[in-house]
Amino acid sequence: MSRASHLLRVREGEGARELLAPTVGVFTPRVGEGDLVSPGQTIGVIEVLGVASDLVVPDGVAGRVSERMGGRLTRVPVQYGDALIALSSAELGDVAATRSAVDAVSSALTFPSPMSGRYYSRPSPNEPVFVSKGDTVSRGQTIGLLEVMKTFNRLVYQGDGLPERVTVAEVVPADGDDVVRGEPILRLAPHDGD
């Protein structure tokens, strides 16, 4: 299932360009201060009434993130036209290197969140995590919990296009983070042996 996307508008500021919110909603950034961004890159997601859309950098816009709305917050309510991120200029070589890294990450295998909610990595505070970096995961295995409206739902590794067994390259959200439907819960790598 494909997700909608918004091409961001740009406002020229003093010494920086600002990428603006295309609508009212909740902004979940995927870049932080100091990161390089380039045309076509998704810098985050905006959720409006439960529908998430990717936020895409327009052609001709590149630079280093000098400021991000909400600072370290993972979800920020925004109004139409709010500056989501400010970009300072960057060397073209830096942007080209970042673009190839972004392409590699976007083509990587991920396990997306099936719904929006609060992610928990363990069944209770005193028990070990379900999965961590380097673990092998098999189809049907529980990889975490997602709290939605005070109900805890098991996240089970399954889905079309996912291999039978994989290795966890990264657990993306921290314990207790809010996640939006479609955002990656796990970044995965092929399993080396059986």
N, C-alpha and C. Protein backbone atom coordinates (compact mmCIF):
# COMPACT_ATOMS: atom_id res chain seq x y z
N MET A 1 0.85 -1.17 0.00
CA MET A 1 0.00 0.00 0.00
C MET A 1 0.89 1.23 0.00
N SER A 2 0.68 2.14 -0.95
CA SER A 2 1.52 3.34 -1.01
C SER A 2 0.93 4.43 -0.14
N ARG A 3 1.82 5.30 0.31
CA ARG A 3 1.42 6.39 1.18
C ARG A 3 1.44 7.69 0.37
N ALA A 4 0.56 8.61 0.70
CA ALA A 4 0.53 9.91 0.04
C ALA A 4 1.77 10.70 0.43
N SER A 5 2.11 11.70 -0.38
CA SER A 5 3.24 12.55 -0.04
C SER A 5 2.91 13.99 -0.39
N HIS A 6 3.55 14.91 0.32
CA HIS A 6 3.41 16.34 0.07
C HIS A 6 4.79 16.87 -0.31
N LEU A 7 4.88 17.62 -1.41
CA LEU A 7 6.09 18.32 -1.78
C LEU A 7 6.10 19.61 -0.97
N LEU A 8 7.14 19.82 -0.18
CA LEU A 8 7.18 20.96 0.73
C LEU A 8 7.39 22.27 -0.02
N ARG A 9 6.81 23.33 0.52
CA ARG A 9 7.05 24.69 0.01
C ARG A 9 8.28 25.25 0.70
N VAL A 10 8.93 26.20 0.05
CA VAL A 10 10.16 26.78 0.57
C VAL A 10 9.97 28.28 0.77
N ARG A 11 10.51 28.77 1.90
CA ARG A 11 10.53 30.21 2.14
C ARG A 11 11.99 30.59 2.36
N GLU A 12 12.43 31.60 1.61
CA GLU A 12 13.80 32.09 1.77
C GLU A 12 13.86 32.99 2.99
N GLY A 13 14.74 32.65 3.93
CA GLY A 13 14.93 33.47 5.13
C GLY A 13 16.30 34.10 5.10
N GLU A 14 16.66 34.77 6.16
CA GLU A 14 17.97 35.39 6.23
C GLU A 14 19.03 34.33 6.49
N GLY A 15 19.83 34.03 5.45
CA GLY A 15 20.91 33.06 5.58
C GLY A 15 20.45 31.61 5.60
N ALA A 16 19.16 31.35 5.45
CA ALA A 16 18.67 29.97 5.49
C ALA A 16 17.37 29.85 4.69
N ARG A 17 17.09 28.65 4.27
CA ARG A 17 15.81 28.34 3.65
C ARG A 17 14.98 27.58 4.66
N GLU A 18 13.67 27.80 4.65
CA GLU A 18 12.77 27.10 5.55
C GLU A 18 11.82 26.23 4.73
N LEU A 19 11.61 25.00 5.19
CA LEU A 19 10.62 24.11 4.58
C LEU A 19 9.37 24.18 5.43
N LEU A 20 8.23 24.45 4.78
CA LEU A 20 7.00 24.80 5.48
C LEU A 20 5.98 23.67 5.52
N ALA A 21 5.21 23.63 6.61
CA ALA A 21 4.14 22.64 6.77
C ALA A 21 3.06 22.87 5.70
N PRO A 22 2.67 21.82 4.96
CA PRO A 22 1.68 21.97 3.90
C PRO A 22 0.25 21.98 4.41
N THR A 23 0.05 21.65 5.69
CA THR A 23 -1.28 21.56 6.26
C THR A 23 -1.19 21.54 7.78
N VAL A 24 -2.30 21.65 8.43
CA VAL A 24 -2.37 21.47 9.88
C VAL A 24 -2.23 19.98 10.16
N GLY A 25 -1.52 19.62 11.22
CA GLY A 25 -1.39 18.20 11.56
C GLY A 25 -0.35 17.98 12.63
N VAL A 26 0.11 16.74 12.72
CA VAL A 26 1.16 16.37 13.67
C VAL A 26 2.38 15.95 12.86
N PHE A 27 3.49 16.67 13.06
CA PHE A 27 4.74 16.46 12.34
C PHE A 27 5.63 15.50 13.10
N THR A 28 6.07 14.43 12.42
CA THR A 28 7.04 13.49 12.97
C THR A 28 8.29 13.57 12.12
N PRO A 29 9.35 14.22 12.63
CA PRO A 29 10.56 14.42 11.83
C PRO A 29 11.38 13.14 11.68
N ARG A 30 12.10 13.06 10.56
CA ARG A 30 13.04 11.96 10.32
C ARG A 30 14.46 12.49 10.15
N VAL A 31 14.65 13.78 10.34
CA VAL A 31 15.98 14.38 10.28
C VAL A 31 16.19 15.20 11.53
N GLY A 32 17.45 15.41 11.88
CA GLY A 32 17.78 16.21 13.06
C GLY A 32 18.75 17.30 12.70
N GLU A 33 19.04 18.17 13.66
CA GLU A 33 19.97 19.25 13.43
C GLU A 33 21.32 18.69 13.03
N GLY A 34 21.91 19.28 11.99
CA GLY A 34 23.21 18.84 11.48
C GLY A 34 23.11 17.86 10.33
N ASP A 35 21.94 17.25 10.10
CA ASP A 35 21.78 16.31 9.00
C ASP A 35 21.75 17.05 7.67
N LEU A 36 22.25 16.38 6.62
CA LEU A 36 22.17 16.92 5.27
C LEU A 36 20.88 16.43 4.62
N VAL A 37 20.22 17.30 3.88
CA VAL A 37 19.03 16.90 3.13
C VAL A 37 19.21 17.30 1.68
N SER A 38 18.53 16.59 0.79
CA SER A 38 18.66 16.84 -0.64
C SER A 38 17.31 16.64 -1.33
N PRO A 39 17.19 17.09 -2.59
CA PRO A 39 15.92 16.98 -3.31
C PRO A 39 15.41 15.54 -3.35
N GLY A 40 14.11 15.39 -3.13
CA GLY A 40 13.46 14.08 -3.18
C GLY A 40 13.51 13.30 -1.88
N GLN A 41 14.25 13.81 -0.90
CA GLN A 41 14.36 13.13 0.39
C GLN A 41 13.11 13.36 1.23
N THR A 42 12.68 12.35 1.97
CA THR A 42 11.57 12.48 2.92
C THR A 42 12.15 12.94 4.24
N ILE A 43 11.73 14.13 4.71
CA ILE A 43 12.27 14.68 5.96
C ILE A 43 11.39 14.37 7.16
N GLY A 44 10.25 13.75 6.91
CA GLY A 44 9.35 13.42 8.00
C GLY A 44 7.98 13.05 7.48
N VAL A 45 7.05 12.96 8.41
CA VAL A 45 5.67 12.57 8.11
C VAL A 45 4.75 13.57 8.77
N ILE A 46 3.64 13.89 8.09
CA ILE A 46 2.60 14.69 8.73
C ILE A 46 1.34 13.85 8.79
N GLU A 47 0.72 13.82 9.97
CA GLU A 47 -0.49 13.03 10.17
C GLU A 47 -1.67 13.98 10.35
N VAL A 48 -2.70 13.78 9.54
CA VAL A 48 -3.93 14.57 9.61
C VAL A 48 -5.10 13.60 9.75
N LEU A 49 -5.79 13.67 10.88
CA LEU A 49 -6.94 12.81 11.14
C LEU A 49 -6.62 11.33 10.92
N GLY A 50 -5.45 10.91 11.41
CA GLY A 50 -5.05 9.52 11.32
C GLY A 50 -4.45 9.09 10.00
N VAL A 51 -4.35 10.01 9.03
CA VAL A 51 -3.77 9.68 7.73
C VAL A 51 -2.38 10.30 7.65
N ALA A 52 -1.37 9.45 7.44
CA ALA A 52 0.02 9.91 7.40
C ALA A 52 0.46 10.14 5.95
N SER A 53 1.20 11.24 5.74
CA SER A 53 1.76 11.56 4.42
C SER A 53 3.22 11.91 4.58
N ASP A 54 4.05 11.43 3.64
CA ASP A 54 5.47 11.77 3.64
C ASP A 54 5.65 13.23 3.25
N LEU A 55 6.67 13.87 3.80
CA LEU A 55 7.02 15.26 3.48
C LEU A 55 8.32 15.23 2.69
N VAL A 56 8.27 15.68 1.43
CA VAL A 56 9.37 15.51 0.49
C VAL A 56 10.01 16.86 0.15
N VAL A 57 11.34 16.88 0.14
CA VAL A 57 12.10 18.08 -0.22
C VAL A 57 11.97 18.31 -1.72
N PRO A 58 11.62 19.55 -2.16
CA PRO A 58 11.46 19.82 -3.59
C PRO A 58 12.79 19.90 -4.33
N ASP A 59 12.74 19.81 -5.66
CA ASP A 59 13.93 19.95 -6.51
C ASP A 59 14.60 21.29 -6.26
N GLY A 60 15.92 21.29 -6.34
CA GLY A 60 16.67 22.53 -6.20
C GLY A 60 16.91 22.97 -4.77
N VAL A 61 16.45 22.17 -3.80
CA VAL A 61 16.62 22.55 -2.39
C VAL A 61 17.51 21.51 -1.72
N ALA A 62 18.59 21.99 -1.10
CA ALA A 62 19.51 21.12 -0.38
C ALA A 62 20.19 21.94 0.70
N GLY A 63 20.70 21.26 1.70
CA GLY A 63 21.42 21.96 2.75
C GLY A 63 21.52 21.13 4.01
N ARG A 64 22.07 21.76 5.03
CA ARG A 64 22.24 21.12 6.33
C ARG A 64 21.16 21.67 7.27
N VAL A 65 20.51 20.80 8.05
CA VAL A 65 19.46 21.23 8.98
C VAL A 65 20.11 22.06 10.08
N SER A 66 19.73 23.34 10.15
CA SER A 66 20.26 24.22 11.19
C SER A 66 19.29 24.35 12.37
N GLU A 67 18.01 24.07 12.09
CA GLU A 67 17.01 24.14 13.15
C GLU A 67 15.83 23.25 12.76
N ARG A 68 15.24 22.58 13.77
CA ARG A 68 14.09 21.72 13.51
C ARG A 68 12.98 22.08 14.49
N MET A 69 11.77 22.25 13.99
CA MET A 69 10.64 22.58 14.84
C MET A 69 10.46 21.51 15.90
N GLY A 70 10.27 21.93 17.14
CA GLY A 70 10.04 20.99 18.22
C GLY A 70 11.31 20.46 18.87
N GLY A 71 12.48 20.87 18.34
CA GLY A 71 13.73 20.41 18.92
C GLY A 71 13.84 18.90 18.92
N ARG A 72 13.92 18.28 20.10
CA ARG A 72 14.10 16.84 20.20
C ARG A 72 12.77 16.08 20.26
N LEU A 73 11.64 16.78 20.24
CA LEU A 73 10.34 16.09 20.29
C LEU A 73 10.16 15.19 19.07
N THR A 74 9.49 14.05 19.27
CA THR A 74 9.27 13.12 18.17
C THR A 74 7.97 13.40 17.42
N ARG A 75 7.04 14.10 18.05
CA ARG A 75 5.77 14.46 17.40
C ARG A 75 5.43 15.89 17.80
N VAL A 76 5.17 16.74 16.79
CA VAL A 76 4.95 18.16 17.04
C VAL A 76 3.69 18.62 16.32
N PRO A 77 2.69 19.18 17.03
CA PRO A 77 1.53 19.76 16.35
C PRO A 77 1.97 21.00 15.56
N VAL A 78 1.51 21.11 14.31
CA VAL A 78 1.88 22.24 13.46
C VAL A 78 0.67 22.85 12.78
N GLN A 79 0.83 24.10 12.40
CA GLN A 79 -0.17 24.83 11.64
C GLN A 79 0.30 24.95 10.19
N TYR A 80 -0.60 25.25 9.28
CA TYR A 80 -0.24 25.48 7.88
C TYR A 80 0.79 26.60 7.80
N GLY A 81 1.88 26.37 7.09
CA GLY A 81 2.89 27.40 6.87
C GLY A 81 3.95 27.50 7.95
N ASP A 82 3.85 26.71 9.04
CA ASP A 82 4.90 26.71 10.06
C ASP A 82 6.21 26.20 9.45
N ALA A 83 7.34 26.77 9.87
CA ALA A 83 8.65 26.31 9.42
C ALA A 83 8.98 25.00 10.13
N LEU A 84 9.04 23.90 9.37
CA LEU A 84 9.34 22.59 9.96
C LEU A 84 10.84 22.45 10.21
N ILE A 85 11.64 22.83 9.20
CA ILE A 85 13.09 22.82 9.37
C ILE A 85 13.67 24.02 8.64
N ALA A 86 14.82 24.48 9.13
CA ALA A 86 15.59 25.53 8.46
C ALA A 86 16.86 24.88 7.94
N LEU A 87 17.26 25.24 6.71
CA LEU A 87 18.44 24.67 6.07
C LEU A 87 19.48 25.75 5.83
N SER A 88 20.71 25.46 6.22
CA SER A 88 21.82 26.32 5.83
C SER A 88 22.43 25.70 4.58
N SER A 89 23.27 26.44 3.87
CA SER A 89 23.85 25.91 2.64
C SER A 89 24.82 24.78 2.97
N ALA A 90 25.01 23.88 2.02
CA ALA A 90 25.93 22.75 2.21
C ALA A 90 26.73 22.56 0.93
N GLU A 91 27.85 21.92 1.05
CA GLU A 91 28.66 21.62 -0.12
C GLU A 91 27.94 20.60 -1.00
N LEU A 92 28.00 20.77 -2.32
CA LEU A 92 27.31 19.85 -3.22
C LEU A 92 27.82 18.41 -3.06
N GLY A 93 29.09 18.22 -2.77
CA GLY A 93 29.63 16.87 -2.56
C GLY A 93 28.99 16.22 -1.34
N ASP A 94 28.78 17.00 -0.28
CA ASP A 94 28.13 16.48 0.92
C ASP A 94 26.72 16.02 0.60
N VAL A 95 25.99 16.83 -0.17
CA VAL A 95 24.60 16.51 -0.52
C VAL A 95 24.54 15.26 -1.38
N ALA A 96 25.46 15.12 -2.34
CA ALA A 96 25.48 13.93 -3.20
C ALA A 96 25.74 12.67 -2.37
N ALA A 97 26.67 12.76 -1.43
CA ALA A 97 26.96 11.61 -0.56
C ALA A 97 25.75 11.26 0.29
N THR A 98 25.06 12.28 0.81
CA THR A 98 23.87 12.06 1.62
C THR A 98 22.77 11.42 0.78
N ARG A 99 22.59 11.87 -0.45
CA ARG A 99 21.55 11.33 -1.33
C ARG A 99 21.76 9.84 -1.54
N SER A 100 23.01 9.41 -1.78
CA SER A 100 23.25 7.99 -2.00
C SER A 100 22.99 7.20 -0.72
N ALA A 101 23.31 7.77 0.44
CA ALA A 101 23.04 7.10 1.71
C ALA A 101 21.53 7.00 1.95
N VAL A 102 20.79 8.06 1.61
CA VAL A 102 19.33 8.05 1.76
C VAL A 102 18.70 7.01 0.85
N ASP A 103 19.21 6.91 -0.40
CA ASP A 103 18.69 5.90 -1.33
C ASP A 103 18.92 4.50 -0.79
N ALA A 104 20.09 4.26 -0.19
CA ALA A 104 20.40 2.94 0.37
C ALA A 104 19.46 2.62 1.52
N VAL A 105 19.21 3.59 2.41
CA VAL A 105 18.33 3.37 3.56
C VAL A 105 16.90 3.14 3.10
N SER A 106 16.43 3.95 2.11
CA SER A 106 15.03 3.83 1.69
C SER A 106 14.77 2.51 0.98
N SER A 107 15.84 1.90 0.37
CA SER A 107 15.63 0.62 -0.29
C SER A 107 15.83 -0.55 0.67
N ALA A 108 16.25 -0.26 1.90
CA ALA A 108 16.48 -1.30 2.89
C ALA A 108 15.15 -1.90 3.34
N LEU A 109 15.24 -3.10 3.86
CA LEU A 109 14.07 -3.83 4.33
C LEU A 109 13.65 -3.32 5.71
N THR A 110 12.37 -3.02 5.88
CA THR A 110 11.86 -2.54 7.17
C THR A 110 10.58 -3.27 7.53
N PHE A 111 10.30 -3.30 8.85
CA PHE A 111 9.01 -3.77 9.35
C PHE A 111 8.25 -2.53 9.79
N PRO A 112 7.17 -2.14 9.08
CA PRO A 112 6.44 -0.92 9.42
C PRO A 112 5.39 -1.15 10.51
N SER A 113 5.06 -0.07 11.20
CA SER A 113 4.01 -0.14 12.20
C SER A 113 2.66 -0.31 11.50
N PRO A 114 1.85 -1.29 11.91
CA PRO A 114 0.56 -1.50 11.25
C PRO A 114 -0.50 -0.48 11.65
N MET A 115 -0.26 0.28 12.73
CA MET A 115 -1.19 1.32 13.18
C MET A 115 -0.44 2.32 14.04
N SER A 116 -1.07 3.43 14.32
CA SER A 116 -0.46 4.45 15.19
C SER A 116 -0.69 4.08 16.64
N GLY A 117 0.30 4.35 17.47
CA GLY A 117 0.19 4.06 18.89
C GLY A 117 1.50 4.30 19.61
N ARG A 118 1.61 3.80 20.82
CA ARG A 118 2.83 3.94 21.63
C ARG A 118 3.55 2.59 21.65
N TYR A 119 4.83 2.62 21.28
CA TYR A 119 5.62 1.40 21.15
C TYR A 119 6.28 1.03 22.48
N TYR A 120 6.23 -0.27 22.80
CA TYR A 120 6.92 -0.80 23.97
C TYR A 120 7.76 -2.00 23.52
N SER A 121 9.01 -2.02 23.95
CA SER A 121 9.96 -3.05 23.51
C SER A 121 9.96 -4.29 24.39
N ARG A 122 9.23 -4.25 25.53
CA ARG A 122 9.24 -5.38 26.46
C ARG A 122 7.84 -5.60 27.03
N PRO A 123 7.52 -6.82 27.49
CA PRO A 123 6.18 -7.10 28.01
C PRO A 123 5.87 -6.37 29.32
N SER A 124 6.90 -6.10 30.13
CA SER A 124 6.73 -5.32 31.36
C SER A 124 8.10 -4.72 31.69
N PRO A 125 8.13 -3.70 32.56
CA PRO A 125 9.40 -3.02 32.83
C PRO A 125 10.52 -3.92 33.37
N ASN A 126 10.17 -5.03 34.03
CA ASN A 126 11.18 -5.90 34.64
C ASN A 126 11.60 -7.07 33.75
N GLU A 127 11.04 -7.16 32.54
CA GLU A 127 11.34 -8.28 31.66
C GLU A 127 12.24 -7.83 30.51
N PRO A 128 12.94 -8.78 29.88
CA PRO A 128 13.84 -8.41 28.77
C PRO A 128 13.06 -7.96 27.54
N VAL A 129 13.76 -7.26 26.63
CA VAL A 129 13.15 -6.78 25.39
C VAL A 129 12.80 -7.97 24.50
N PHE A 130 11.79 -7.76 23.65
CA PHE A 130 11.39 -8.81 22.71
C PHE A 130 12.51 -9.06 21.69
N VAL A 131 13.04 -7.98 21.09
CA VAL A 131 14.13 -8.09 20.12
C VAL A 131 15.08 -6.91 20.30
N SER A 132 16.33 -7.13 19.92
CA SER A 132 17.32 -6.05 19.93
C SER A 132 18.22 -6.21 18.71
N LYS A 133 19.05 -5.21 18.48
CA LYS A 133 19.95 -5.21 17.32
C LYS A 133 20.78 -6.49 17.31
N GLY A 134 20.85 -7.14 16.13
CA GLY A 134 21.62 -8.36 15.98
C GLY A 134 20.83 -9.64 16.16
N ASP A 135 19.62 -9.54 16.71
CA ASP A 135 18.79 -10.73 16.90
C ASP A 135 18.26 -11.24 15.56
N THR A 136 18.02 -12.55 15.50
CA THR A 136 17.35 -13.16 14.35
C THR A 136 15.87 -13.24 14.67
N VAL A 137 15.05 -12.82 13.71
CA VAL A 137 13.60 -12.81 13.87
C VAL A 137 12.99 -13.73 12.82
N SER A 138 12.01 -14.54 13.24
CA SER A 138 11.31 -15.45 12.34
C SER A 138 9.84 -15.06 12.23
N ARG A 139 9.24 -15.44 11.12
CA ARG A 139 7.83 -15.16 10.90
C ARG A 139 6.99 -15.68 12.07
N GLY A 140 6.08 -14.84 12.58
CA GLY A 140 5.21 -15.20 13.69
C GLY A 140 5.74 -14.80 15.05
N GLN A 141 6.98 -14.32 15.12
CA GLN A 141 7.60 -13.95 16.39
C GLN A 141 7.11 -12.57 16.84
N THR A 142 6.86 -12.40 18.14
CA THR A 142 6.48 -11.11 18.70
C THR A 142 7.72 -10.23 18.78
N ILE A 143 7.60 -8.99 18.26
CA ILE A 143 8.75 -8.07 18.25
C ILE A 143 8.52 -6.84 19.13
N GLY A 144 7.32 -6.70 19.69
CA GLY A 144 7.04 -5.57 20.56
C GLY A 144 5.55 -5.46 20.84
N LEU A 145 5.19 -4.41 21.56
CA LEU A 145 3.78 -4.12 21.86
C LEU A 145 3.46 -2.72 21.37
N LEU A 146 2.22 -2.52 20.94
CA LEU A 146 1.75 -1.22 20.53
C LEU A 146 0.49 -0.90 21.32
N GLU A 147 0.56 0.16 22.12
CA GLU A 147 -0.60 0.56 22.93
C GLU A 147 -1.46 1.52 22.11
N VAL A 148 -2.70 1.13 21.91
CA VAL A 148 -3.67 1.96 21.19
C VAL A 148 -4.92 2.04 22.05
N MET A 149 -5.27 3.24 22.48
CA MET A 149 -6.46 3.47 23.30
C MET A 149 -6.49 2.55 24.52
N LYS A 150 -5.39 2.50 25.27
CA LYS A 150 -5.24 1.72 26.51
C LYS A 150 -5.30 0.21 26.29
N THR A 151 -5.20 -0.23 25.04
CA THR A 151 -5.16 -1.65 24.72
C THR A 151 -3.80 -1.98 24.15
N PHE A 152 -3.17 -3.04 24.67
CA PHE A 152 -1.86 -3.45 24.19
C PHE A 152 -2.03 -4.51 23.11
N ASN A 153 -1.45 -4.23 21.94
CA ASN A 153 -1.51 -5.13 20.79
C ASN A 153 -0.12 -5.69 20.52
N ARG A 154 -0.04 -7.01 20.31
CA ARG A 154 1.25 -7.62 19.98
C ARG A 154 1.63 -7.26 18.56
N LEU A 155 2.90 -6.87 18.36
CA LEU A 155 3.45 -6.66 17.03
C LEU A 155 4.13 -7.97 16.64
N VAL A 156 3.63 -8.60 15.60
CA VAL A 156 4.14 -9.90 15.17
C VAL A 156 4.83 -9.73 13.83
N TYR A 157 6.03 -10.29 13.71
CA TYR A 157 6.77 -10.23 12.44
C TYR A 157 6.05 -11.08 11.41
N GLN A 158 5.45 -10.41 10.44
CA GLN A 158 4.74 -11.06 9.33
C GLN A 158 4.45 -9.99 8.30
N GLY A 159 4.12 -10.40 7.10
CA GLY A 159 3.74 -9.44 6.07
C GLY A 159 4.23 -9.85 4.69
N ASP A 160 3.53 -9.35 3.69
CA ASP A 160 3.89 -9.64 2.30
C ASP A 160 5.26 -9.06 2.00
N GLY A 161 6.06 -9.81 1.29
CA GLY A 161 7.37 -9.34 0.86
C GLY A 161 8.46 -9.45 1.92
N LEU A 162 8.12 -9.89 3.12
CA LEU A 162 9.14 -10.04 4.16
C LEU A 162 9.65 -11.47 4.16
N PRO A 163 10.98 -11.66 4.27
CA PRO A 163 11.54 -13.02 4.29
C PRO A 163 11.11 -13.79 5.53
N GLU A 164 11.28 -15.10 5.48
CA GLU A 164 10.92 -15.97 6.60
C GLU A 164 11.75 -15.65 7.85
N ARG A 165 13.05 -15.40 7.66
CA ARG A 165 13.95 -15.06 8.78
C ARG A 165 14.81 -13.87 8.38
N VAL A 166 15.03 -12.96 9.33
CA VAL A 166 15.86 -11.78 9.10
C VAL A 166 16.67 -11.47 10.36
N THR A 167 17.64 -10.59 10.21
CA THR A 167 18.43 -10.10 11.33
C THR A 167 18.03 -8.65 11.60
N VAL A 168 17.86 -8.30 12.86
CA VAL A 168 17.48 -6.93 13.23
C VAL A 168 18.72 -6.03 13.11
N ALA A 169 18.65 -5.06 12.20
CA ALA A 169 19.75 -4.09 12.03
C ALA A 169 19.58 -2.92 12.98
N GLU A 170 18.31 -2.56 13.29
CA GLU A 170 18.04 -1.45 14.20
C GLU A 170 16.61 -1.52 14.69
N VAL A 171 16.39 -1.25 15.97
CA VAL A 171 15.05 -1.03 16.51
C VAL A 171 14.89 0.48 16.50
N VAL A 172 13.99 1.00 15.65
CA VAL A 172 13.91 2.44 15.38
C VAL A 172 13.34 3.23 16.56
N PRO A 173 12.12 2.95 17.04
CA PRO A 173 11.60 3.76 18.14
C PRO A 173 12.21 3.35 19.48
N ALA A 174 12.33 4.30 20.37
CA ALA A 174 12.74 4.00 21.74
C ALA A 174 11.52 3.51 22.51
N ASP A 175 11.75 2.85 23.62
CA ASP A 175 10.66 2.36 24.45
C ASP A 175 9.78 3.54 24.89
N GLY A 176 8.48 3.46 24.62
CA GLY A 176 7.55 4.52 25.01
C GLY A 176 7.34 5.59 23.96
N ASP A 177 8.03 5.49 22.79
CA ASP A 177 7.85 6.47 21.72
C ASP A 177 6.51 6.27 21.02
N ASP A 178 5.91 7.37 20.58
CA ASP A 178 4.72 7.30 19.75
C ASP A 178 5.17 7.03 18.31
N VAL A 179 4.46 6.13 17.64
CA VAL A 179 4.75 5.82 16.24
C VAL A 179 3.49 6.03 15.41
N VAL A 180 3.69 6.34 14.15
CA VAL A 180 2.59 6.56 13.21
C VAL A 180 2.53 5.36 12.27
N ARG A 181 1.34 4.99 11.88
CA ARG A 181 1.15 3.87 10.96
C ARG A 181 2.06 4.04 9.74
N GLY A 182 2.78 2.99 9.40
CA GLY A 182 3.66 3.00 8.24
C GLY A 182 5.10 3.36 8.56
N GLU A 183 5.37 3.94 9.73
CA GLU A 183 6.75 4.25 10.10
C GLU A 183 7.47 2.95 10.46
N PRO A 184 8.78 2.88 10.21
CA PRO A 184 9.49 1.65 10.52
C PRO A 184 9.62 1.40 12.01
N ILE A 185 9.35 0.17 12.42
CA ILE A 185 9.60 -0.28 13.79
C ILE A 185 11.00 -0.92 13.82
N LEU A 186 11.27 -1.76 12.81
CA LEU A 186 12.58 -2.41 12.71
C LEU A 186 13.17 -2.15 11.33
N ARG A 187 14.48 -1.92 11.30
CA ARG A 187 15.24 -1.98 10.05
C ARG A 187 15.88 -3.36 10.06
N LEU A 188 15.80 -4.04 8.92
CA LEU A 188 16.16 -5.45 8.85
C LEU A 188 17.28 -5.70 7.85
N ALA A 189 18.01 -6.76 8.06
CA ALA A 189 19.06 -7.22 7.14
C ALA A 189 18.80 -8.70 6.85
N PRO A 190 19.25 -9.16 5.69
CA PRO A 190 19.07 -10.59 5.40
C PRO A 190 19.74 -11.46 6.45
N HIS A 191 19.12 -12.59 6.74
CA HIS A 191 19.68 -13.53 7.73
C HIS A 191 20.78 -14.31 7.03
N ASP A 192 21.97 -14.36 7.66
CA ASP A 192 23.14 -14.97 7.03
C ASP A 192 23.10 -16.49 6.95
N GLY A 193 22.56 -17.15 7.94
CA GLY A 193 22.58 -18.61 7.89
C GLY A 193 21.38 -19.23 8.56
N ASP A 194 21.16 -20.48 8.30
CA ASP A 194 20.08 -21.24 8.95
C ASP A 194 20.63 -22.43 9.67
